[in-house]
Amino acid sequence: MELRFFEIYRNGEYLRLLLEGAGVSAGLTVAGGIAGFILATLLAAVRYWRVPVLRQAATGYVEFIRNTPLIVQMFFVAFGLPMLLGYRWPFWGHALLALSLNFSAYFAEILRSGFVSVAKGQIEAARALGMRRFLIFRRIVFPQAAATMYPSLNSQFVFLFLTTGVMAEIGVRDLTYAGLYIDSRSFRSFEVFFTLTVIYVLMAIGFKSVLKLLHDRLFRWRAASR
C-alpha cells in the first residue's frame, strides 16, 4: 500500500480544517467540562445532604445520563428538545448543552464519592463550633473531596473529550468532522484517520499536562499539610 500523507500536509484547506476542528473540539470540551462541573457540584451536594425530593430527582438524572449513550443524548438535545420547546440553536450550542449534561452526571458521581470520604469527625467538630451547613460544605467538605477525587475527575474529563467525536453527527465542525470531510475528498482513509489519531493523542496529553499544572497550583495546601 502506498502512503500519501503529503496529500493532506501540503493542502492548505485541509490543514486549516484540521486546525479549526481541533479548536472547536477543545473549546466545546473545556466549556462543557466547566459547566458540567458546576452542575455536578450542585447535584452531588443535594445527594450528599439528602435534600428531600431533590435528592431523588438528582439520583434519577445521574442514572439516566450515565446509562444512555452520548450520541443518543446529542441527538435528543439537537433534534428532540427543539421540537418540544420550539427553539433554535446553532449546532455547537446543542453540542455544548449535551456535553455539559453528560459531563455533569459523571462528575457528580465522582464528587459524591469524595464528599462521603470526608471524615465525619471533622464535620461534627465544625458543627460543635457553630458553623452552618453551607460553610461546612464550602470550607471543609468540598476542598477535601475535590483534592481527593481530582485524579478521577481528570481521567474522566480526558475520557469524555475522546468521545466528543460524535459531535460531527449533528453537524458540528469539530476535528472528526474535518477528518470525514477530508476523507470524502481525498479518499486517503488510512492517512486521514491516522492523522486524526495522532492529533487526538497529542490533545489528550496536552489536557493531562494542563490539568496536572492546575492540580499542583490549586491543591498546594494539601502537599504542605502532609
Protein backbone atom coordinates (compact mmCIF):
# COMPACT_ATOMS: atom_id res chain seq x y z
CA MET A 1 0.00 0.00 0.00
CA GLU A 2 1.34 3.41 -0.99
CA LEU A 3 1.01 6.08 1.68
CA ARG A 4 0.40 9.67 0.60
CA PHE A 5 0.41 11.81 3.70
CA PHE A 6 1.68 14.70 1.60
CA GLU A 7 -1.79 14.98 0.04
CA ILE A 8 -3.00 16.16 3.44
CA TYR A 9 0.01 18.06 4.73
CA ARG A 10 0.53 20.08 1.54
CA ASN A 11 -3.11 21.12 1.22
CA GLY A 12 -3.76 24.43 2.95
CA GLU A 13 -7.52 23.89 3.12
CA TYR A 14 -7.13 20.51 4.81
CA LEU A 15 -4.68 21.86 7.37
CA ARG A 16 -6.99 24.79 8.11
CA LEU A 17 -9.94 22.43 8.62
CA LEU A 18 -7.93 20.23 10.99
CA LEU A 19 -6.73 23.23 12.99
CA GLU A 20 -10.21 24.75 13.24
CA GLY A 21 -11.72 21.38 14.08
CA ALA A 22 -9.21 20.81 16.86
CA GLY A 23 -10.04 24.26 18.25
CA VAL A 24 -13.78 23.53 18.21
CA SER A 25 -13.29 20.14 19.90
CA ALA A 26 -11.06 21.63 22.58
CA GLY A 27 -13.23 24.69 23.16
CA LEU A 28 -16.51 22.78 23.50
CA THR A 29 -14.87 20.19 25.74
CA VAL A 30 -13.47 22.82 28.11
CA ALA A 31 -16.72 24.82 28.18
CA GLY A 32 -18.77 21.66 28.66
CA GLY A 33 -16.41 20.45 31.37
CA ILE A 34 -16.66 23.71 33.33
CA ALA A 35 -20.45 23.91 33.03
CA GLY A 36 -20.73 20.21 33.82
CA PHE A 37 -18.55 20.55 36.91
CA ILE A 38 -20.67 23.38 38.28
CA LEU A 39 -23.87 21.41 37.75
CA ALA A 40 -22.22 18.27 39.13
CA THR A 41 -21.30 20.08 42.33
CA LEU A 42 -24.94 21.05 42.87
CA LEU A 43 -26.14 17.51 42.11
CA ALA A 44 -23.59 15.89 44.39
CA ALA A 45 -24.31 18.37 47.21
CA VAL A 46 -28.05 17.68 47.01
CA ARG A 47 -27.43 13.96 47.23
CA TYR A 48 -24.82 14.29 49.97
CA TRP A 49 -27.03 16.43 52.22
CA ARG A 50 -30.05 14.23 51.43
CA VAL A 51 -32.32 17.10 50.42
CA PRO A 52 -35.88 15.70 50.16
CA VAL A 53 -37.32 15.32 46.64
CA LEU A 54 -34.30 16.99 45.06
CA ARG A 55 -32.12 14.08 46.14
CA GLN A 56 -34.34 11.57 44.32
CA ALA A 57 -34.53 13.81 41.26
CA ALA A 58 -30.76 14.21 41.17
CA THR A 59 -30.23 10.46 41.56
CA GLY A 60 -32.64 9.73 38.72
CA TYR A 61 -30.96 12.30 36.49
CA VAL A 62 -27.48 10.92 37.13
CA GLU A 63 -28.56 7.34 36.50
CA PHE A 64 -30.42 8.30 33.31
CA ILE A 65 -27.46 10.17 31.82
CA ARG A 66 -24.90 7.54 32.82
CA ASN A 67 -26.97 4.73 31.30
CA THR A 68 -27.61 6.26 27.90
CA PRO A 69 -25.06 6.76 25.10
CA LEU A 70 -23.68 10.24 24.50
CA ILE A 71 -24.70 10.12 20.85
CA VAL A 72 -28.34 9.45 21.84
CA GLN A 73 -28.23 12.40 24.23
CA MET A 74 -26.68 14.53 21.49
CA PHE A 75 -29.45 13.70 19.01
CA PHE A 76 -32.15 14.27 21.63
CA VAL A 77 -30.76 17.68 22.57
CA ALA A 78 -30.14 18.71 18.96
CA PHE A 79 -33.39 17.48 17.38
CA GLY A 80 -35.79 16.34 20.12
CA LEU A 81 -35.77 19.29 22.51
CA PRO A 82 -36.11 21.96 19.76
CA MET A 83 -39.25 20.19 18.53
CA LEU A 84 -40.70 20.02 22.04
CA LEU A 85 -39.76 23.50 23.19
CA GLY A 86 -39.76 25.36 19.87
CA TYR A 87 -36.31 26.97 19.91
CA ARG A 88 -33.35 27.02 17.53
CA TRP A 89 -29.70 27.00 18.38
CA PRO A 90 -26.59 26.55 16.25
CA PHE A 91 -25.24 23.02 16.20
CA TRP A 92 -22.37 23.91 18.52
CA GLY A 93 -24.88 25.21 21.09
CA HIS A 94 -26.71 21.88 21.11
CA ALA A 95 -23.39 20.05 21.41
CA LEU A 96 -22.33 22.25 24.32
CA LEU A 97 -25.58 21.59 26.18
CA ALA A 98 -25.35 17.83 25.58
CA LEU A 99 -21.72 17.72 26.71
CA SER A 100 -22.49 19.76 29.83
CA LEU A 101 -25.31 17.43 30.81
CA ASN A 102 -23.20 14.35 30.10
CA PHE A 103 -20.17 15.62 31.99
CA SER A 104 -22.29 16.67 34.97
CA ALA A 105 -23.63 13.17 35.61
CA TYR A 106 -20.22 11.51 35.63
CA PHE A 107 -18.59 14.29 37.63
CA ALA A 108 -21.46 14.27 40.14
CA GLU A 109 -20.96 10.61 40.99
CA ILE A 110 -17.22 11.14 41.45
CA LEU A 111 -17.74 14.21 43.64
CA ARG A 112 -20.39 12.47 45.76
CA SER A 113 -17.91 9.70 46.50
CA GLY A 114 -15.41 12.34 47.53
CA PHE A 115 -17.90 14.07 49.82
CA VAL A 116 -18.70 10.79 51.56
CA SER A 117 -14.99 10.11 52.10
CA VAL A 118 -14.52 13.21 54.27
CA ALA A 119 -14.19 12.18 57.91
CA LYS A 120 -17.41 12.70 59.86
CA GLY A 121 -15.40 13.77 62.86
CA GLN A 122 -14.38 16.96 61.06
CA ILE A 123 -17.99 17.77 60.22
CA GLU A 124 -19.14 17.13 63.80
CA ALA A 125 -16.34 19.32 65.12
CA ALA A 126 -17.37 22.12 62.76
CA ARG A 127 -20.98 21.84 63.89
CA ALA A 128 -19.83 21.99 67.51
CA LEU A 129 -18.10 25.28 66.68
CA GLY A 130 -21.37 26.66 65.34
CA MET A 131 -20.58 26.53 61.64
CA ARG A 132 -23.58 26.37 59.33
CA ARG A 133 -24.16 23.63 56.78
CA PHE A 134 -23.17 25.70 53.74
CA LEU A 135 -19.99 26.94 55.39
CA ILE A 136 -19.05 23.40 56.40
CA PHE A 137 -19.56 22.28 52.84
CA ARG A 138 -17.60 25.16 51.32
CA ARG A 139 -14.64 25.19 53.69
CA ILE A 140 -14.30 21.57 54.81
CA VAL A 141 -16.16 19.05 52.64
CA PHE A 142 -15.73 20.43 49.13
CA PRO A 143 -11.99 21.30 49.24
CA GLN A 144 -11.00 17.90 50.61
CA ALA A 145 -13.31 15.99 48.27
CA ALA A 146 -12.08 17.92 45.23
CA ALA A 147 -8.45 17.25 46.16
CA THR A 148 -9.09 13.56 46.79
CA MET A 149 -11.12 12.93 43.66
CA TYR A 150 -9.16 15.22 41.32
CA PRO A 151 -7.27 12.35 39.63
CA SER A 152 -10.58 10.61 38.89
CA LEU A 153 -12.10 13.84 37.59
CA ASN A 154 -9.00 14.35 35.47
CA SER A 155 -9.23 10.89 33.90
CA GLN A 156 -12.98 11.21 33.33
CA PHE A 157 -12.54 14.58 31.62
CA VAL A 158 -9.93 13.23 29.22
CA PHE A 159 -12.06 10.15 28.51
CA LEU A 160 -15.11 12.30 27.75
CA PHE A 161 -13.01 14.52 25.49
CA LEU A 162 -12.12 11.45 23.45
CA THR A 163 -15.82 10.71 22.95
CA THR A 164 -16.64 14.16 21.57
CA GLY A 165 -16.14 12.97 18.01
CA VAL A 166 -19.87 12.16 17.97
CA MET A 167 -20.50 15.91 17.68
CA ALA A 168 -19.80 15.54 13.97
CA GLU A 169 -23.00 13.50 13.67
CA ILE A 170 -25.14 16.59 14.37
CA GLY A 171 -23.14 18.87 12.07
CA VAL A 172 -20.59 20.38 14.46
CA ARG A 173 -17.39 21.14 12.55
CA ASP A 174 -15.09 19.51 15.07
CA LEU A 175 -11.92 17.52 14.50
CA THR A 176 -13.74 14.34 13.47
CA TYR A 177 -15.93 16.33 11.07
CA ALA A 178 -12.79 17.76 9.48
CA GLY A 179 -11.35 14.26 9.08
CA LEU A 180 -14.53 12.93 7.48
CA TYR A 181 -14.62 15.90 5.11
CA ILE A 182 -11.01 15.41 4.06
CA ASP A 183 -11.50 11.66 3.64
CA SER A 184 -14.53 12.17 1.39
CA ARG A 185 -12.45 14.30 -0.97
CA SER A 186 -9.00 12.74 -0.83
CA PHE A 187 -10.04 9.06 -0.49
CA ARG A 188 -6.95 8.54 1.69
CA SER A 189 -8.73 6.96 4.66
CA PHE A 190 -5.66 5.47 6.36
CA GLU A 191 -3.67 8.69 6.20
CA VAL A 192 -6.60 10.83 7.33
CA PHE A 193 -7.59 8.75 10.33
CA PHE A 194 -4.00 8.09 11.33
CA THR A 195 -3.54 11.86 11.38
CA LEU A 196 -6.69 12.26 13.47
CA THR A 197 -5.42 9.65 15.91
CA VAL A 198 -2.13 11.49 16.37
CA ILE A 199 -3.92 14.81 16.90
CA TYR A 200 -6.31 13.33 19.46
CA VAL A 201 -3.42 11.71 21.34
CA LEU A 202 -1.48 14.99 21.42
CA MET A 203 -4.54 16.91 22.57
CA ALA A 204 -5.26 14.36 25.30
CA ILE A 205 -1.67 14.61 26.52
CA GLY A 206 -1.97 18.39 26.43
CA PHE A 207 -5.14 18.29 28.55
CA LYS A 208 -3.45 15.96 31.05
CA SER A 209 -0.47 18.31 31.33
CA VAL A 210 -2.65 21.36 31.91
CA LEU A 211 -4.78 19.52 34.46
CA LYS A 212 -1.66 18.41 36.32
CA LEU A 213 -0.45 22.02 36.49
CA LEU A 214 -3.86 23.05 37.83
CA HIS A 215 -3.67 20.31 40.45
CA ASP A 216 -0.24 21.46 41.62
CA ARG A 217 -1.46 25.05 41.87
CA LEU A 218 -4.94 24.51 43.34
CA PHE A 219 -4.04 21.85 45.90
CA ARG A 220 -0.65 23.05 47.01
CA TRP A 221 -2.08 23.32 50.53
CA ARG A 222 -2.63 19.57 50.64
CA ALA A 223 1.03 18.79 49.91
CA ALA A 224 2.11 21.31 52.54
CA SER A 225 -0.13 19.75 55.19
CA ARG A 226 1.42 16.32 54.83
